[in-house]
Amino acid sequence: MQTDRLHSFRIRASRADLAAWERAAHAAGTNRTSWLRSLAAEAATTGQTPGVLAADLARLRRELAAIGNNVNQIAHHLNSGGHATPQAALDAVETAMLGVSDFLNDARAPRRKGGGRRRSAR
């Protein structure tokens, strides 16, 4: 089997770090080397460290949960005989969708040194 992987390097790690990496790699269905390689490739490709991406996704998950909660409240209000104009509900949903879209665009923008994000032209 021929490979283009001609270089290797060593990483010093504590026993606790090594055990945590092994567990994470196993949970991802791969080995430690492939797991570390994929993290490095993700950071090189996106310009973000994996932890930052995970935090961004957690914020998105919370935002989507809040939107779902609002939709449930609207449905409950309407089902209990309340009245609302359909346009107001559509406007609220559109505003929420634009917020999620902006969040996703911001999450995809590469980070600059110092933690800021580059904004892409829209």
C-alpha atoms as a PDB file:
ATOM      1  CA  MET A   1       0.000   0.000   0.000  1.00  0.00           C
ATOM      2  CA  GLN A   2       1.501   3.302  -1.090  1.00  0.00           C
ATOM      3  CA  THR A   3       0.781   6.515   0.761  1.00  0.00           C
ATOM      4  CA  ASP A   4       1.689  10.150   0.373  1.00  0.00           C
ATOM      5  CA  ARG A   5       2.070  10.486   4.145  1.00  0.00           C
ATOM      6  CA  LEU A   6       5.826  10.795   4.346  1.00  0.00           C
ATOM      7  CA  HIS A   7       6.154  12.945   7.444  1.00  0.00           C
ATOM      8  CA  SER A   8       5.465  12.240  11.087  1.00  0.00           C
ATOM      9  CA  PHE A   9       5.752  14.196  14.298  1.00  0.00           C
ATOM     10  CA  ARG A  10       5.557  13.577  18.021  1.00  0.00           C
ATOM     11  CA  ILE A  11       3.221  15.192  20.509  1.00  0.00           C
ATOM     12  CA  ARG A  12       3.819  15.253  24.240  1.00  0.00           C
ATOM     13  CA  ALA A  13       0.639  14.621  26.220  1.00  0.00           C
ATOM     14  CA  SER A  14      -0.336  13.763  29.744  1.00  0.00           C
ATOM     15  CA  ARG A  15      -1.814  10.353  30.516  1.00  0.00           C
ATOM     16  CA  ALA A  16      -5.182  12.047  31.115  1.00  0.00           C
ATOM     17  CA  ASP A  17      -5.057  13.806  27.719  1.00  0.00           C
ATOM     18  CA  LEU A  18      -4.045  10.598  25.981  1.00  0.00           C
ATOM     19  CA  ALA A  19      -6.908   8.675  27.609  1.00  0.00           C
ATOM     20  CA  ALA A  20      -9.393  11.429  26.678  1.00  0.00           C
ATOM     21  CA  TRP A  21      -8.169  11.406  23.064  1.00  0.00           C
ATOM     22  CA  GLU A  22      -8.475   7.629  22.913  1.00  0.00           C
ATOM     23  CA  ARG A  23     -12.061   7.786  24.200  1.00  0.00           C
ATOM     24  CA  ALA A  24     -12.983  10.545  21.734  1.00  0.00           C
ATOM     25  CA  ALA A  25     -11.422   8.671  18.816  1.00  0.00           C
ATOM     26  CA  HIS A  26     -13.206   5.469  19.807  1.00  0.00           C
ATOM     27  CA  ALA A  27     -16.523   7.334  20.117  1.00  0.00           C
ATOM     28  CA  ALA A  28     -15.944   8.736  16.611  1.00  0.00           C
ATOM     29  CA  GLY A  29     -15.322   5.205  15.306  1.00  0.00           C
ATOM     30  CA  THR A  30     -11.675   5.697  14.459  1.00  0.00           C
ATOM     31  CA  ASN A  31      -8.204   5.457  15.959  1.00  0.00           C
ATOM     32  CA  ARG A  32      -6.291   8.197  17.752  1.00  0.00           C
ATOM     33  CA  THR A  33      -4.016   9.015  14.814  1.00  0.00           C
ATOM     34  CA  SER A  34      -6.858   9.393  12.330  1.00  0.00           C
ATOM     35  CA  TRP A  35      -8.877  11.371  14.860  1.00  0.00           C
ATOM     36  CA  LEU A  36      -6.025  13.831  15.526  1.00  0.00           C
ATOM     37  CA  ARG A  37      -5.359  14.107  11.778  1.00  0.00           C
ATOM     38  CA  SER A  38      -9.032  14.959  11.135  1.00  0.00           C
ATOM     39  CA  LEU A  39      -8.983  17.666  13.849  1.00  0.00           C
ATOM     40  CA  ALA A  40      -5.885  19.236  12.336  1.00  0.00           C
ATOM     41  CA  ALA A  41      -7.389  19.070   8.830  1.00  0.00           C
ATOM     42  CA  GLU A  42     -10.620  20.703  10.075  1.00  0.00           C
ATOM     43  CA  ALA A  43      -8.715  23.541  11.723  1.00  0.00           C
ATOM     44  CA  ALA A  44      -6.573  24.056   8.608  1.00  0.00           C
ATOM     45  CA  THR A  45      -9.599  24.025   6.300  1.00  0.00           C
ATOM     46  CA  THR A  46     -11.975  26.213   8.323  1.00  0.00           C
ATOM     47  CA  GLY A  47      -9.487  28.425  10.131  1.00  0.00           C
ATOM     48  CA  GLN A  48     -11.261  27.496  13.374  1.00  0.00           C
ATOM     49  CA  THR A  49     -10.332  25.208  16.167  1.00  0.00           C
ATOM     50  CA  PRO A  50     -12.819  22.347  16.662  1.00  0.00           C
ATOM     51  CA  GLY A  51     -13.845  23.637  20.096  1.00  0.00           C
ATOM     52  CA  VAL A  52     -14.931  26.949  18.598  1.00  0.00           C
ATOM     53  CA  LEU A  53     -17.029  25.174  16.001  1.00  0.00           C
ATOM     54  CA  ALA A  54     -18.654  23.037  18.698  1.00  0.00           C
ATOM     55  CA  ALA A  55     -19.513  26.164  20.715  1.00  0.00           C
ATOM     56  CA  ASP A  56     -21.017  27.780  17.607  1.00  0.00           C
ATOM     57  CA  LEU A  57     -23.135  24.691  16.951  1.00  0.00           C
ATOM     58  CA  ALA A  58     -24.300  24.620  20.576  1.00  0.00           C
ATOM     59  CA  ARG A  59     -25.456  28.253  20.254  1.00  0.00           C
ATOM     60  CA  LEU A  60     -27.273  27.371  17.030  1.00  0.00           C
ATOM     61  CA  ARG A  61     -28.952  24.410  18.739  1.00  0.00           C
ATOM     62  CA  ARG A  62     -30.192  26.707  21.539  1.00  0.00           C
ATOM     63  CA  GLU A  63     -31.486  29.236  18.997  1.00  0.00           C
ATOM     64  CA  LEU A  64     -33.366  26.562  17.072  1.00  0.00           C
ATOM     65  CA  ALA A  65     -34.861  25.242  20.325  1.00  0.00           C
ATOM     66  CA  ALA A  66     -36.071  28.755  21.179  1.00  0.00           C
ATOM     67  CA  ILE A  67     -37.649  29.084  17.726  1.00  0.00           C
ATOM     68  CA  GLY A  68     -39.393  25.728  18.178  1.00  0.00           C
ATOM     69  CA  ASN A  69     -40.670  26.857  21.565  1.00  0.00           C
ATOM     70  CA  ASN A  70     -42.098  30.027  20.017  1.00  0.00           C
ATOM     71  CA  VAL A  71     -43.842  28.029  17.274  1.00  0.00           C
ATOM     72  CA  ASN A  72     -45.349  25.732  19.943  1.00  0.00           C
ATOM     73  CA  GLN A  73     -46.614  28.754  21.881  1.00  0.00           C
ATOM     74  CA  ILE A  74     -48.241  30.153  18.731  1.00  0.00           C
ATOM     75  CA  ALA A  75     -49.876  26.792  17.986  1.00  0.00           C
ATOM     76  CA  HIS A  76     -51.136  26.511  21.583  1.00  0.00           C
ATOM     77  CA  HIS A  77     -52.584  30.040  21.417  1.00  0.00           C
ATOM     78  CA  LEU A  78     -54.360  29.360  18.123  1.00  0.00           C
ATOM     79  CA  ASN A  79     -55.624  25.941  19.242  1.00  0.00           C
ATOM     80  CA  SER A  80     -57.140  27.461  22.389  1.00  0.00           C
ATOM     81  CA  GLY A  81     -59.267  29.863  20.359  1.00  0.00           C
ATOM     82  CA  GLY A  82     -56.822  32.726  20.163  1.00  0.00           C
ATOM     83  CA  HIS A  83     -56.541  34.828  17.057  1.00  0.00           C
ATOM     84  CA  ALA A  84     -53.485  36.013  15.223  1.00  0.00           C
ATOM     85  CA  THR A  85     -52.873  37.349  11.799  1.00  0.00           C
ATOM     86  CA  PRO A  86     -51.068  34.842   9.583  1.00  0.00           C
ATOM     87  CA  GLN A  87     -48.785  37.603   8.313  1.00  0.00           C
ATOM     88  CA  ALA A  88     -47.504  38.361  11.816  1.00  0.00           C
ATOM     89  CA  ALA A  89     -46.601  34.701  12.340  1.00  0.00           C
ATOM     90  CA  LEU A  90     -44.916  34.527   8.927  1.00  0.00           C
ATOM     91  CA  ASP A  91     -42.940  37.696   9.678  1.00  0.00           C
ATOM     92  CA  ALA A  92     -41.759  36.215  12.992  1.00  0.00           C
ATOM     93  CA  VAL A  93     -40.680  32.982  11.305  1.00  0.00           C
ATOM     94  CA  GLU A  94     -38.878  34.915   8.544  1.00  0.00           C
ATOM     95  CA  THR A  95     -37.040  37.008  11.125  1.00  0.00           C
ATOM     96  CA  ALA A  96     -35.964  33.850  12.962  1.00  0.00           C
ATOM     97  CA  MET A  97     -34.807  32.208   9.717  1.00  0.00           C
ATOM     98  CA  LEU A  98     -32.751  35.277   8.806  1.00  0.00           C
ATOM     99  CA  GLY A  99     -31.145  35.158  12.255  1.00  0.00           C
ATOM    100  CA  VAL A 100     -30.194  31.502  11.800  1.00  0.00           C
ATOM    101  CA  SER A 101     -28.881  32.234   8.293  1.00  0.00           C
ATOM    102  CA  ASP A 102     -26.735  35.101   9.606  1.00  0.00           C
ATOM    103  CA  PHE A 103     -25.442  32.853  12.391  1.00  0.00           C
ATOM    104  CA  LEU A 104     -24.475  30.120   9.917  1.00  0.00           C
ATOM    105  CA  ASN A 105     -22.757  32.616   7.605  1.00  0.00           C
ATOM    106  CA  ASP A 106     -20.835  34.013  10.564  1.00  0.00           C
ATOM    107  CA  ALA A 107     -19.871  30.514  11.759  1.00  0.00           C
ATOM    108  CA  ARG A 108     -18.466  29.687   8.309  1.00  0.00           C
ATOM    109  CA  ALA A 109     -16.368  32.876   8.129  1.00  0.00           C
ATOM    110  CA  PRO A 110     -12.708  32.196   8.929  1.00  0.00           C
ATOM    111  CA  ARG A 111     -11.405  33.660  12.175  1.00  0.00           C
ATOM    112  CA  ARG A 112      -8.786  36.374  12.090  1.00  0.00           C
ATOM    113  CA  LYS A 113      -5.913  36.556  14.517  1.00  0.00           C
ATOM    114  CA  GLY A 114      -7.267  37.970  17.760  1.00  0.00           C
ATOM    115  CA  GLY A 115     -10.524  36.004  17.582  1.00  0.00           C
ATOM    116  CA  GLY A 116     -12.561  38.177  15.203  1.00  0.00           C
ATOM    117  CA  ARG A 117     -14.272  36.751  12.155  1.00  0.00           C
ATOM    118  CA  ARG A 118     -13.903  37.846   8.581  1.00  0.00           C
ATOM    119  CA  ARG A 119     -17.207  38.783   7.027  1.00  0.00           C
ATOM    120  CA  SER A 120     -17.835  37.499   3.551  1.00  0.00           C
ATOM    121  CA  ALA A 121     -19.453  39.776   0.990  1.00  0.00           C
ATOM    122  CA  ARG A 122     -23.149  39.044   0.672  1.00  0.00           C
END
